[in-house]
């Protein structure tokens, strides 16, 4: 009888552990979904502000076209090409705002200070949102690599989480950390 009690206790403990692990994995997947939504919002905000700057008429015509085109592509990109389109927007922002004259042209326009502040906030929030998303992905992957999770299929039908890899380095003139603001 005592052996039966020990076996039942072991089965109950294993069941509790499996349930806890499945719950943890579910919470990690929910965290990934929330972080991805936040990342998408920040990317959309950055593309919207960049598109607004591109159509404002304060940049030189070539820079306006390049910025508008890159922002438009980033906003309209299919999921398969999103990382590339967002990286191209980052590169366009760095190329355009590599010249201090472009930043001053935006700043001197009506509402320019506010536009610069919005663009600075947007380009600074994208790397943070991407980092949060990729940290959540890394944590979920670590749990999903455990044998118990694989053997008992605790991940269910959830797709394997993928990190969002892109060039998100902000232009130096818009990076408050380098300016000391």
N, C-alpha and C. Protein backbone atom coordinates (compact mmCIF):
# COMPACT_ATOMS: atom_id res chain seq x y z
N UNK A 1 0.82 -1.19 0.00
CA UNK A 1 0.00 0.00 0.00
C UNK A 1 0.86 1.26 0.00
N UNK A 2 1.95 1.24 0.74
CA UNK A 2 2.83 2.39 0.82
C UNK A 2 3.48 2.68 -0.53
N UNK A 3 3.79 1.65 -1.31
CA UNK A 3 4.36 1.83 -2.64
C UNK A 3 3.35 2.54 -3.55
N UNK A 4 2.10 2.13 -3.45
CA UNK A 4 1.05 2.75 -4.24
C UNK A 4 0.94 4.25 -3.92
N UNK A 5 1.02 4.60 -2.64
CA UNK A 5 0.94 6.01 -2.22
C UNK A 5 2.12 6.80 -2.79
N UNK A 6 3.30 6.21 -2.75
CA UNK A 6 4.49 6.90 -3.30
C UNK A 6 4.39 7.09 -4.81
N UNK A 7 3.89 6.08 -5.47
CA UNK A 7 3.74 6.18 -6.93
C UNK A 7 2.68 7.24 -7.26
N UNK A 8 1.58 7.23 -6.54
CA UNK A 8 0.54 8.24 -6.77
C UNK A 8 1.06 9.64 -6.49
N UNK A 9 1.83 9.80 -5.41
CA UNK A 9 2.40 11.10 -5.08
C UNK A 9 3.38 11.55 -6.17
N UNK A 10 4.18 10.61 -6.68
CA UNK A 10 5.13 10.96 -7.74
C UNK A 10 4.39 11.38 -9.01
N UNK A 11 3.32 10.67 -9.35
CA UNK A 11 2.55 11.02 -10.54
C UNK A 11 1.90 12.39 -10.37
N UNK A 12 1.37 12.65 -9.19
CA UNK A 12 0.76 13.96 -8.93
C UNK A 12 1.81 15.07 -9.03
N UNK A 13 2.99 14.85 -8.45
CA UNK A 13 4.06 15.87 -8.52
C UNK A 13 4.52 16.10 -9.95
N UNK A 14 4.63 15.03 -10.72
CA UNK A 14 5.02 15.17 -12.13
C UNK A 14 3.93 15.94 -12.88
N UNK A 15 2.68 15.63 -12.61
CA UNK A 15 1.57 16.34 -13.24
C UNK A 15 1.58 17.82 -12.90
N UNK A 16 1.83 18.13 -11.63
CA UNK A 16 1.92 19.54 -11.21
C UNK A 16 3.07 20.24 -11.90
N UNK A 17 4.23 19.56 -11.99
CA UNK A 17 5.37 20.17 -12.66
C UNK A 17 5.08 20.41 -14.14
N UNK A 18 4.47 19.42 -14.81
CA UNK A 18 4.14 19.58 -16.22
C UNK A 18 3.13 20.71 -16.43
N UNK A 19 2.14 20.78 -15.56
CA UNK A 19 1.15 21.84 -15.65
C UNK A 19 1.79 23.21 -15.43
N UNK A 20 2.66 23.32 -14.46
CA UNK A 20 3.36 24.57 -14.18
C UNK A 20 4.22 24.98 -15.37
N UNK A 21 4.94 24.02 -15.95
CA UNK A 21 5.80 24.31 -17.09
C UNK A 21 4.97 24.74 -18.30
N UNK A 22 3.86 24.06 -18.54
CA UNK A 22 2.99 24.44 -19.66
C UNK A 22 2.42 25.84 -19.43
N UNK A 23 2.04 26.15 -18.20
CA UNK A 23 1.54 27.49 -17.88
C UNK A 23 2.61 28.55 -18.08
N UNK A 24 3.82 28.23 -17.67
CA UNK A 24 4.94 29.16 -17.85
C UNK A 24 5.18 29.42 -19.33
N UNK A 25 5.16 28.36 -20.11
CA UNK A 25 5.37 28.51 -21.55
C UNK A 25 4.24 29.33 -22.18
N UNK A 26 3.03 29.11 -21.72
CA UNK A 26 1.90 29.89 -22.22
C UNK A 26 2.07 31.38 -21.88
N UNK A 27 2.52 31.67 -20.66
CA UNK A 27 2.75 33.07 -20.27
C UNK A 27 3.88 33.68 -21.10
N UNK A 28 4.90 32.90 -21.40
CA UNK A 28 5.99 33.42 -22.25
C UNK A 28 5.49 33.72 -23.66
N UNK A 29 4.63 32.85 -24.19
CA UNK A 29 4.08 33.12 -25.52
C UNK A 29 3.19 34.36 -25.50
N UNK A 30 2.44 34.55 -24.43
CA UNK A 30 1.62 35.76 -24.31
C UNK A 30 2.52 37.00 -24.21
N UNK A 31 3.63 36.86 -23.50
CA UNK A 31 4.59 37.97 -23.40
C UNK A 31 5.19 38.30 -24.76
N UNK A 32 5.47 37.27 -25.56
CA UNK A 32 5.99 37.49 -26.92
C UNK A 32 4.96 38.24 -27.75
N UNK A 33 3.70 37.82 -27.66
CA UNK A 33 2.64 38.49 -28.42
C UNK A 33 2.52 39.96 -28.02
N UNK A 34 2.57 40.23 -26.72
CA UNK A 34 2.47 41.62 -26.26
C UNK A 34 3.68 42.43 -26.69
N UNK A 35 4.87 41.83 -26.60
CA UNK A 35 6.09 42.53 -27.01
C UNK A 35 6.09 42.77 -28.52
N UNK A 36 5.55 41.84 -29.29
CA UNK A 36 5.49 42.01 -30.74
C UNK A 36 4.52 43.13 -31.10
N UNK A 37 3.41 43.18 -30.39
CA UNK A 37 2.44 44.26 -30.64
C UNK A 37 3.07 45.62 -30.32
N UNK A 38 3.83 45.69 -29.23
CA UNK A 38 4.50 46.94 -28.87
C UNK A 38 5.56 47.29 -29.91
N UNK A 39 6.30 46.30 -30.38
CA UNK A 39 7.31 46.54 -31.41
C UNK A 39 6.65 47.02 -32.69
N UNK A 40 5.56 46.38 -33.11
CA UNK A 40 4.84 46.81 -34.31
C UNK A 40 4.35 48.25 -34.18
N UNK A 41 3.86 48.60 -33.00
CA UNK A 41 3.38 49.97 -32.77
C UNK A 41 4.53 50.97 -32.89
N UNK A 42 5.69 50.64 -32.33
CA UNK A 42 6.83 51.55 -32.39
C UNK A 42 7.37 51.67 -33.82
N UNK A 43 7.39 50.56 -34.54
CA UNK A 43 7.84 50.61 -35.93
C UNK A 43 6.88 51.44 -36.78
N UNK A 44 5.59 51.27 -36.55
CA UNK A 44 4.60 52.06 -37.29
C UNK A 44 4.72 53.54 -36.94
N UNK A 45 4.95 53.84 -35.68
CA UNK A 45 5.11 55.23 -35.27
C UNK A 45 6.33 55.85 -35.94
N UNK A 46 7.45 55.11 -35.94
CA UNK A 46 8.67 55.63 -36.57
C UNK A 46 8.45 55.85 -38.06
N UNK A 47 7.81 54.90 -38.74
CA UNK A 47 7.56 55.04 -40.18
C UNK A 47 6.61 56.20 -40.45
N UNK A 48 5.62 56.38 -39.59
CA UNK A 48 4.66 57.48 -39.79
C UNK A 48 5.33 58.84 -39.64
N UNK A 49 6.15 58.99 -38.61
CA UNK A 49 6.84 60.26 -38.41
C UNK A 49 7.82 60.50 -39.56
N UNK A 50 8.53 59.45 -39.97
CA UNK A 50 9.47 59.60 -41.09
C UNK A 50 8.74 59.96 -42.37
N UNK A 51 7.59 59.36 -42.59
CA UNK A 51 6.81 59.67 -43.79
C UNK A 51 6.31 61.12 -43.73
N UNK A 52 5.92 61.56 -42.55
CA UNK A 52 5.48 62.94 -42.37
C UNK A 52 6.62 63.91 -42.69
N UNK A 53 7.82 63.59 -42.22
CA UNK A 53 8.98 64.45 -42.51
C UNK A 53 9.27 64.43 -44.00
N UNK A 54 9.17 63.25 -44.61
CA UNK A 54 9.44 63.12 -46.04
C UNK A 54 8.48 63.91 -46.90
N UNK A 55 7.25 64.07 -46.46
CA UNK A 55 6.26 64.80 -47.25
C UNK A 55 6.11 66.26 -46.84
N UNK A 56 6.86 66.68 -45.84
CA UNK A 56 6.70 68.05 -45.32
C UNK A 56 7.26 69.11 -46.25
N UNK A 57 8.16 68.74 -47.13
CA UNK A 57 8.74 69.71 -48.05
C UNK A 57 9.91 70.49 -47.48
N UNK A 58 10.35 70.17 -46.28
CA UNK A 58 11.46 70.92 -45.69
C UNK A 58 12.82 70.30 -46.03
N UNK A 59 12.84 69.04 -46.40
CA UNK A 59 14.09 68.39 -46.81
C UNK A 59 14.33 68.68 -48.28
N UNK A 60 15.56 68.45 -48.72
CA UNK A 60 15.79 68.61 -50.15
C UNK A 60 15.03 67.52 -50.89
N UNK A 61 14.69 67.74 -52.17
CA UNK A 61 13.81 66.80 -52.89
C UNK A 61 14.31 65.35 -52.90
N UNK A 62 15.59 65.14 -53.08
CA UNK A 62 16.10 63.77 -53.12
C UNK A 62 15.93 63.09 -51.77
N UNK A 63 16.25 63.80 -50.70
CA UNK A 63 16.10 63.23 -49.36
C UNK A 63 14.64 62.96 -49.05
N UNK A 64 13.76 63.87 -49.48
CA UNK A 64 12.32 63.67 -49.26
C UNK A 64 11.83 62.39 -49.93
N UNK A 65 12.25 62.19 -51.16
CA UNK A 65 11.82 61.01 -51.91
C UNK A 65 12.35 59.74 -51.25
N UNK A 66 13.63 59.75 -50.90
CA UNK A 66 14.24 58.57 -50.27
C UNK A 66 13.55 58.24 -48.96
N UNK A 67 13.33 59.25 -48.13
CA UNK A 67 12.71 59.03 -46.82
C UNK A 67 11.26 58.58 -46.98
N UNK A 68 10.52 59.23 -47.85
CA UNK A 68 9.12 58.84 -48.06
C UNK A 68 9.05 57.41 -48.57
N UNK A 69 9.87 57.08 -49.54
CA UNK A 69 9.86 55.74 -50.13
C UNK A 69 10.19 54.68 -49.08
N UNK A 70 11.23 54.92 -48.28
CA UNK A 70 11.63 53.94 -47.26
C UNK A 70 10.55 53.79 -46.19
N UNK A 71 9.95 54.89 -45.78
CA UNK A 71 8.89 54.84 -44.77
C UNK A 71 7.66 54.13 -45.32
N UNK A 72 7.32 54.43 -46.57
CA UNK A 72 6.17 53.78 -47.19
C UNK A 72 6.39 52.28 -47.30
N UNK A 73 7.58 51.89 -47.73
CA UNK A 73 7.91 50.46 -47.85
C UNK A 73 7.84 49.77 -46.49
N UNK A 74 8.32 50.45 -45.44
CA UNK A 74 8.30 49.87 -44.10
C UNK A 74 6.86 49.68 -43.62
N UNK A 75 6.01 50.63 -43.93
CA UNK A 75 4.61 50.52 -43.49
C UNK A 75 3.84 49.47 -44.27
N UNK A 76 4.18 49.27 -45.54
CA UNK A 76 3.42 48.37 -46.40
C UNK A 76 4.04 46.98 -46.56
N UNK A 77 5.18 46.75 -45.96
CA UNK A 77 5.92 45.50 -46.17
C UNK A 77 5.15 44.29 -45.65
N UNK A 78 5.22 43.22 -46.41
CA UNK A 78 4.66 41.94 -45.98
C UNK A 78 5.53 41.44 -44.83
N UNK A 79 4.98 40.54 -44.05
CA UNK A 79 5.70 40.04 -42.86
C UNK A 79 7.05 39.42 -43.22
N UNK A 80 7.13 38.75 -44.35
CA UNK A 80 8.38 38.11 -44.77
C UNK A 80 9.49 39.11 -45.06
N UNK A 81 9.11 40.32 -45.47
CA UNK A 81 10.10 41.33 -45.87
C UNK A 81 10.16 42.50 -44.89
N UNK A 82 9.49 42.37 -43.79
CA UNK A 82 9.39 43.50 -42.85
C UNK A 82 10.73 43.89 -42.26
N UNK A 83 11.53 42.91 -41.86
CA UNK A 83 12.83 43.21 -41.25
C UNK A 83 13.72 43.99 -42.22
N UNK A 84 13.71 43.59 -43.48
CA UNK A 84 14.53 44.27 -44.49
C UNK A 84 14.02 45.68 -44.71
N UNK A 85 12.72 45.85 -44.83
CA UNK A 85 12.14 47.17 -45.06
C UNK A 85 12.43 48.11 -43.88
N UNK A 86 12.31 47.60 -42.67
CA UNK A 86 12.60 48.43 -41.49
C UNK A 86 14.08 48.78 -41.41
N UNK A 87 14.94 47.85 -41.79
CA UNK A 87 16.38 48.14 -41.82
C UNK A 87 16.69 49.21 -42.86
N UNK A 88 16.02 49.14 -44.00
CA UNK A 88 16.23 50.15 -45.04
C UNK A 88 15.76 51.52 -44.57
N UNK A 89 14.69 51.57 -43.79
CA UNK A 89 14.25 52.86 -43.22
C UNK A 89 15.30 53.39 -42.25
N UNK A 90 15.86 52.52 -41.43
CA UNK A 90 16.93 52.95 -40.51
C UNK A 90 18.12 53.52 -41.29
N UNK A 91 18.48 52.84 -42.36
CA UNK A 91 19.61 53.30 -43.17
C UNK A 91 19.29 54.62 -43.85
N UNK A 92 18.06 54.79 -44.32
CA UNK A 92 17.66 56.04 -44.96
C UNK A 92 17.69 57.19 -43.94
N UNK A 93 17.20 56.94 -42.75
CA UNK A 93 17.23 57.98 -41.70
C UNK A 93 18.67 58.38 -41.38
N UNK A 94 19.55 57.38 -41.26
CA UNK A 94 20.96 57.70 -40.98
C UNK A 94 21.60 58.47 -42.12
N UNK A 95 21.30 58.08 -43.36
CA UNK A 95 21.89 58.76 -44.52
C UNK A 95 21.39 60.19 -44.62
N UNK A 96 20.10 60.41 -44.42
CA UNK A 96 19.53 61.74 -44.56
C UNK A 96 19.96 62.66 -43.43
N UNK A 97 19.94 62.14 -42.22
CA UNK A 97 20.29 62.98 -41.08
C UNK A 97 21.76 62.91 -40.70
N UNK A 98 22.58 62.37 -41.62
CA UNK A 98 24.02 62.42 -41.40
C UNK A 98 24.51 63.86 -41.56
N UNK A 99 23.76 64.63 -42.35
CA UNK A 99 24.09 66.04 -42.55
C UNK A 99 23.29 66.86 -41.54
N UNK A 100 23.97 67.67 -40.80
CA UNK A 100 23.33 68.53 -39.80
C UNK A 100 22.35 69.50 -40.48
N UNK A 101 22.61 69.85 -41.74
CA UNK A 101 21.75 70.80 -42.45
C UNK A 101 20.32 70.27 -42.60
N UNK A 102 20.18 68.97 -42.82
CA UNK A 102 18.83 68.39 -42.94
C UNK A 102 18.07 68.51 -41.62
N UNK A 103 18.76 68.26 -40.51
CA UNK A 103 18.13 68.36 -39.20
C UNK A 103 17.72 69.81 -38.93
N UNK A 104 18.59 70.75 -39.29
CA UNK A 104 18.28 72.16 -39.07
C UNK A 104 17.12 72.62 -39.95
N UNK A 105 17.02 72.07 -41.17
CA UNK A 105 15.90 72.42 -42.05
C UNK A 105 14.58 71.98 -41.43
N UNK A 106 14.56 70.81 -40.84
CA UNK A 106 13.33 70.34 -40.18
C UNK A 106 13.05 71.18 -38.94
N UNK A 107 14.09 71.45 -38.17
CA UNK A 107 13.93 72.21 -36.93
C UNK A 107 13.39 73.62 -37.18
N UNK A 108 13.81 74.25 -38.28
CA UNK A 108 13.41 75.63 -38.57
C UNK A 108 12.00 75.73 -39.16
N UNK A 109 11.46 74.63 -39.63
CA UNK A 109 10.10 74.65 -40.19
C UNK A 109 9.09 74.83 -39.05
N UNK A 110 7.91 75.34 -39.37
CA UNK A 110 6.87 75.45 -38.34
C UNK A 110 6.56 74.07 -37.74
N UNK A 111 6.62 73.98 -36.43
CA UNK A 111 6.40 72.70 -35.74
C UNK A 111 7.59 71.77 -35.83
N UNK A 112 8.71 72.29 -36.27
CA UNK A 112 9.90 71.46 -36.47
C UNK A 112 10.47 70.87 -35.20
N UNK A 113 10.48 71.66 -34.12
CA UNK A 113 11.00 71.15 -32.85
C UNK A 113 10.19 69.95 -32.38
N UNK A 114 8.88 70.06 -32.53
CA UNK A 114 8.01 68.95 -32.12
C UNK A 114 8.24 67.73 -33.02
N UNK A 115 8.41 67.96 -34.30
CA UNK A 115 8.66 66.87 -35.23
C UNK A 115 9.97 66.17 -34.90
N UNK A 116 11.01 66.97 -34.61
CA UNK A 116 12.31 66.39 -34.24
C UNK A 116 12.16 65.59 -32.95
N UNK A 117 11.42 66.12 -31.99
CA UNK A 117 11.21 65.40 -30.73
C UNK A 117 10.48 64.07 -30.97
N UNK A 118 9.46 64.08 -31.82
CA UNK A 118 8.72 62.86 -32.14
C UNK A 118 9.60 61.85 -32.85
N UNK A 119 10.39 62.32 -33.82
CA UNK A 119 11.27 61.42 -34.56
C UNK A 119 12.35 60.85 -33.65
N UNK A 120 12.90 61.68 -32.77
CA UNK A 120 13.92 61.21 -31.83
C UNK A 120 13.33 60.15 -30.91
N UNK A 121 12.15 60.41 -30.38
CA UNK A 121 11.51 59.42 -29.50
C UNK A 121 11.23 58.13 -30.26
N UNK A 122 10.77 58.25 -31.49
CA UNK A 122 10.44 57.05 -32.27
C UNK A 122 11.68 56.22 -32.57
N UNK A 123 12.76 56.86 -32.98
CA UNK A 123 13.96 56.08 -33.32
C UNK A 123 14.64 55.51 -32.09
N UNK A 124 14.41 56.09 -30.92
CA UNK A 124 14.97 55.56 -29.69
C UNK A 124 14.14 54.42 -29.12
N UNK A 125 12.84 54.43 -29.35
CA UNK A 125 11.97 53.40 -28.79
C UNK A 125 12.01 52.09 -29.58
N UNK A 126 12.32 52.17 -30.85
CA UNK A 126 12.35 50.96 -31.66
C UNK A 126 13.38 49.95 -31.13
N UNK A 127 14.64 50.35 -30.86
CA UNK A 127 15.59 49.36 -30.34
C UNK A 127 15.16 48.77 -28.99
N UNK A 128 14.55 49.59 -28.15
CA UNK A 128 14.09 49.07 -26.85
C UNK A 128 12.97 48.05 -27.05
N UNK A 129 12.01 48.37 -27.90
CA UNK A 129 10.90 47.45 -28.15
C UNK A 129 11.41 46.16 -28.78
N UNK A 130 12.36 46.28 -29.68
CA UNK A 130 12.93 45.09 -30.32
C UNK A 130 13.68 44.24 -29.31
N UNK A 131 14.40 44.90 -28.42
CA UNK A 131 15.14 44.17 -27.38
C UNK A 131 14.18 43.41 -26.45
N UNK A 132 13.08 44.06 -26.03
CA UNK A 132 12.09 43.38 -25.19
C UNK A 132 11.49 42.17 -25.91
N UNK A 133 11.16 42.36 -27.18
CA UNK A 133 10.61 41.25 -27.96
C UNK A 133 11.61 40.11 -28.06
N UNK A 134 12.83 40.42 -28.43
CA UNK A 134 13.83 39.37 -28.61
C UNK A 134 14.19 38.69 -27.28
N UNK A 135 14.14 39.42 -26.16
CA UNK A 135 14.37 38.80 -24.86
C UNK A 135 13.26 37.81 -24.54
N UNK A 136 12.02 38.16 -24.84
CA UNK A 136 10.90 37.25 -24.62
C UNK A 136 11.04 36.01 -25.50
N UNK A 137 11.46 36.21 -26.74
CA UNK A 137 11.67 35.08 -27.65
C UNK A 137 12.77 34.17 -27.11
N UNK A 138 13.86 34.76 -26.65
CA UNK A 138 14.98 33.99 -26.11
C UNK A 138 14.54 33.15 -24.91
N UNK A 139 13.74 33.75 -24.01
CA UNK A 139 13.25 33.02 -22.84
C UNK A 139 12.34 31.86 -23.24
N UNK A 140 11.45 32.09 -24.19
CA UNK A 140 10.55 31.02 -24.63
C UNK A 140 11.33 29.91 -25.33
N UNK A 141 12.31 30.28 -26.11
CA UNK A 141 13.13 29.26 -26.78
C UNK A 141 13.88 28.41 -25.76
N UNK A 142 14.38 29.05 -24.70
CA UNK A 142 15.11 28.30 -23.67
C UNK A 142 14.20 27.27 -23.01
N UNK A 143 12.96 27.64 -22.72
CA UNK A 143 12.03 26.69 -22.11
C UNK A 143 11.66 25.60 -23.12
N UNK A 144 11.45 25.99 -24.36
CA UNK A 144 11.04 25.01 -25.37
C UNK A 144 12.14 24.02 -25.71
N UNK A 145 13.40 24.35 -25.40
CA UNK A 145 14.51 23.43 -25.67
C UNK A 145 14.58 22.29 -24.66
N UNK A 146 13.93 22.42 -23.51
CA UNK A 146 13.98 21.36 -22.51
C UNK A 146 13.33 20.09 -23.04
N UNK A 147 13.93 18.95 -22.69
CA UNK A 147 13.42 17.67 -23.18
C UNK A 147 11.98 17.42 -22.73
N UNK A 148 11.68 17.75 -21.48
CA UNK A 148 10.34 17.51 -20.97
C UNK A 148 9.30 18.24 -21.82
N UNK A 149 9.61 19.47 -22.20
CA UNK A 149 8.68 20.26 -23.01
C UNK A 149 8.50 19.61 -24.38
N UNK A 150 9.58 19.13 -24.95
CA UNK A 150 9.48 18.47 -26.26
C UNK A 150 8.78 17.12 -26.18
N UNK A 151 9.16 16.30 -25.19
CA UNK A 151 8.59 14.95 -25.08
C UNK A 151 7.09 14.99 -24.82
N UNK A 152 6.65 15.89 -23.95
CA UNK A 152 5.24 15.96 -23.61
C UNK A 152 4.49 16.98 -24.47
N UNK A 153 5.16 17.57 -25.42
CA UNK A 153 4.57 18.54 -26.36
C UNK A 153 3.80 19.63 -25.62
N UNK A 154 4.48 20.20 -24.64
CA UNK A 154 3.84 21.21 -23.80
C UNK A 154 3.64 22.54 -24.53
N UNK A 155 4.33 22.73 -25.64
CA UNK A 155 4.17 23.97 -26.41
C UNK A 155 2.90 23.93 -27.24
N UNK A 156 2.29 22.77 -27.32
CA UNK A 156 1.06 22.66 -28.11
C UNK A 156 1.32 22.93 -29.58
N UNK A 157 0.47 23.73 -30.18
CA UNK A 157 0.60 24.06 -31.60
C UNK A 157 1.16 25.46 -31.82
N UNK A 158 1.68 26.05 -30.77
CA UNK A 158 2.24 27.41 -30.90
C UNK A 158 3.45 27.36 -31.82
N UNK A 159 3.54 28.31 -32.75
CA UNK A 159 4.71 28.32 -33.64
C UNK A 159 5.97 28.64 -32.85
N UNK A 160 7.09 28.15 -33.36
CA UNK A 160 8.37 28.41 -32.70
C UNK A 160 8.64 29.91 -32.78
N UNK A 161 8.94 30.55 -31.66
CA UNK A 161 9.11 32.00 -31.68
C UNK A 161 10.37 32.42 -32.44
N UNK A 162 10.21 33.47 -33.23
CA UNK A 162 11.32 33.99 -34.03
C UNK A 162 11.66 35.41 -33.58
N UNK A 163 12.93 35.67 -33.49
CA UNK A 163 13.40 37.01 -33.13
C UNK A 163 13.20 37.94 -34.32
N UNK A 164 13.12 39.23 -34.02
CA UNK A 164 12.98 40.24 -35.07
C UNK A 164 14.35 40.89 -35.21
N UNK A 165 15.03 40.58 -36.29
CA UNK A 165 16.38 41.09 -36.51
C UNK A 165 16.36 42.17 -37.57
N UNK A 166 16.83 43.34 -37.20
CA UNK A 166 16.88 44.46 -38.13
C UNK A 166 17.97 45.42 -37.71
N UNK A 167 18.33 46.30 -38.60
CA UNK A 167 19.25 47.40 -38.31
C UNK A 167 18.40 48.49 -37.68
N UNK A 168 18.61 48.75 -36.40
CA UNK A 168 17.80 49.76 -35.73
C UNK A 168 18.63 50.88 -35.11
N UNK A 169 19.84 51.01 -35.59
CA UNK A 169 20.70 52.07 -35.06
C UNK A 169 20.17 53.43 -35.49
N UNK A 170 19.93 54.32 -34.53
CA UNK A 170 19.38 55.63 -34.88
C UNK A 170 20.45 56.54 -35.47
N UNK A 171 20.04 57.55 -36.22
CA UNK A 171 21.02 58.54 -36.69
C UNK A 171 21.69 59.21 -35.48
N UNK A 172 22.97 59.48 -35.58
CA UNK A 172 23.72 60.05 -34.45
C UNK A 172 23.10 61.36 -33.96
N UNK A 173 22.61 62.19 -34.87
CA UNK A 173 22.06 63.49 -34.44
C UNK A 173 20.71 63.34 -33.74
N UNK A 174 20.05 62.20 -33.91
CA UNK A 174 18.76 61.99 -33.25
C UNK A 174 18.88 61.10 -32.02
N UNK A 175 20.07 60.65 -31.73
CA UNK A 175 20.29 59.77 -30.58
C UNK A 175 20.63 60.62 -29.38
N UNK A 176 19.65 60.83 -28.50
CA UNK A 176 19.83 61.67 -27.31
C UNK A 176 20.99 61.21 -26.44
N UNK A 177 21.25 59.91 -26.44
CA UNK A 177 22.32 59.40 -25.57
C UNK A 177 23.67 59.97 -25.97
N UNK A 178 23.87 60.17 -27.30
CA UNK A 178 25.16 60.70 -27.74
C UNK A 178 25.21 62.23 -27.56
N UNK A 179 24.06 62.87 -27.55
CA UNK A 179 24.02 64.33 -27.41
C UNK A 179 24.03 64.76 -25.96
N UNK A 180 23.76 63.80 -25.05
CA UNK A 180 23.77 64.13 -23.62
C UNK A 180 22.52 64.83 -23.16
N UNK A 181 21.42 64.76 -23.90
CA UNK A 181 20.16 65.42 -23.51
C UNK A 181 19.47 64.63 -22.46
